[in-house]
Amino acid sequence: MPQFVANSLSDEVEIRLGAEAPEDADPVTPIGLLRRVAEAHPDRPALVAAGEGGKPWTYGEDLADVRAAAAAFVRLGLGAR
């Protein structure tokens, strides 16, 4: 079962996958996990859009959209402190 860890409300959420992971293992962030899966399996379906007749959305498309949204936020002046 994944563990979600944050030290404060402003911290990035970290995910630890599986009980077998050593205590000193680096945590995985949600975007880091998406990046790893998208790089390994870009054409596999990640989501299925119910409103679009069940059109699958791949991990590669998901990562591209997340990156585009992040770039738009940066252009608007929003970003990490």
Protein backbone atom coordinates (compact mmCIF):
# COMPACT_ATOMS: atom_id res chain seq x y z
CA MET A 1 0.00 0.00 0.00
CA PRO A 2 1.48 3.39 -0.95
CA GLN A 3 2.34 5.84 1.81
CA PHE A 4 1.84 9.55 1.14
CA VAL A 5 4.22 11.77 3.11
CA ALA A 6 4.46 15.55 3.52
CA ASN A 7 6.25 17.42 6.29
CA SER A 8 4.10 20.53 6.01
CA LEU A 9 1.19 21.88 3.98
CA SER A 10 3.59 23.64 1.59
CA ASP A 11 5.77 20.55 0.97
CA GLU A 12 5.61 18.47 -2.16
CA VAL A 13 3.80 15.20 -1.47
CA GLU A 14 6.08 12.17 -1.58
CA ILE A 15 4.90 8.63 -2.26
CA ARG A 16 6.60 5.51 -0.95
CA LEU A 17 5.57 2.43 -2.88
CA GLY A 18 5.44 -0.91 -1.14
CA ALA A 19 6.47 -2.08 2.29
CA GLU A 20 9.56 -3.77 0.82
CA ALA A 21 11.20 -0.43 0.03
CA PRO A 22 14.10 0.33 2.38
CA GLU A 23 13.59 3.16 4.83
CA ASP A 24 16.40 5.15 3.22
CA ALA A 25 14.94 4.81 -0.30
CA ASP A 26 14.27 8.09 -2.08
CA PRO A 27 10.58 8.99 -2.10
CA VAL A 28 8.78 9.30 -5.43
CA THR A 29 6.77 12.43 -6.20
CA PRO A 30 3.54 12.15 -8.21
CA ILE A 31 5.11 13.88 -11.24
CA GLY A 32 8.23 11.75 -10.89
CA LEU A 33 6.12 8.59 -10.91
CA LEU A 34 4.17 9.80 -13.97
CA ARG A 35 7.44 10.66 -15.74
CA ARG A 36 8.92 7.21 -15.08
CA VAL A 37 5.80 5.38 -16.26
CA ALA A 38 5.37 7.64 -19.33
CA GLU A 39 8.99 7.12 -20.35
CA ALA A 40 8.69 3.34 -19.98
CA HIS A 41 5.18 2.97 -21.47
CA PRO A 42 4.20 6.12 -23.43
CA ASP A 43 1.52 4.41 -25.52
CA ARG A 44 -0.26 2.51 -22.75
CA PRO A 45 -3.64 3.86 -21.63
CA ALA A 46 -3.48 5.85 -18.40
CA LEU A 47 -7.08 7.11 -18.33
CA VAL A 48 -10.29 6.61 -20.27
CA ALA A 49 -12.39 9.71 -20.90
CA ALA A 50 -16.02 8.87 -20.16
CA GLY A 51 -17.29 12.01 -21.90
CA GLU A 52 -15.51 11.25 -25.17
CA GLY A 53 -16.94 7.82 -25.90
CA GLY A 54 -14.28 6.02 -23.89
CA LYS A 55 -11.28 7.47 -25.76
CA PRO A 56 -8.09 6.30 -24.02
CA TRP A 57 -5.55 8.88 -22.89
CA THR A 58 -2.00 7.47 -22.86
CA TYR A 59 0.70 8.06 -20.28
CA GLY A 60 2.67 9.98 -22.92
CA GLU A 61 -0.30 12.26 -23.62
CA ASP A 62 -0.89 12.70 -19.90
CA LEU A 63 2.72 13.74 -19.28
CA ALA A 64 2.67 16.12 -22.27
CA ASP A 65 -0.51 17.78 -20.97
CA VAL A 66 0.91 18.08 -17.44
CA ARG A 67 4.06 19.70 -18.83
CA ALA A 68 1.99 22.09 -20.98
CA ALA A 69 -0.11 23.09 -17.96
CA ALA A 70 3.04 23.62 -15.86
CA ALA A 71 4.56 25.82 -18.59
CA ALA A 72 1.34 27.86 -18.75
CA PHE A 73 1.45 28.38 -14.97
CA VAL A 74 5.07 29.56 -15.21
CA ARG A 75 4.14 32.01 -18.00
CA LEU A 76 1.42 33.38 -15.70
CA GLY A 77 4.01 33.94 -12.99
CA LEU A 78 2.88 31.03 -10.82
CA GLY A 79 5.50 28.66 -9.49
CA ALA A 80 7.27 27.21 -6.51
CA ARG A 81 8.48 29.61 -3.85
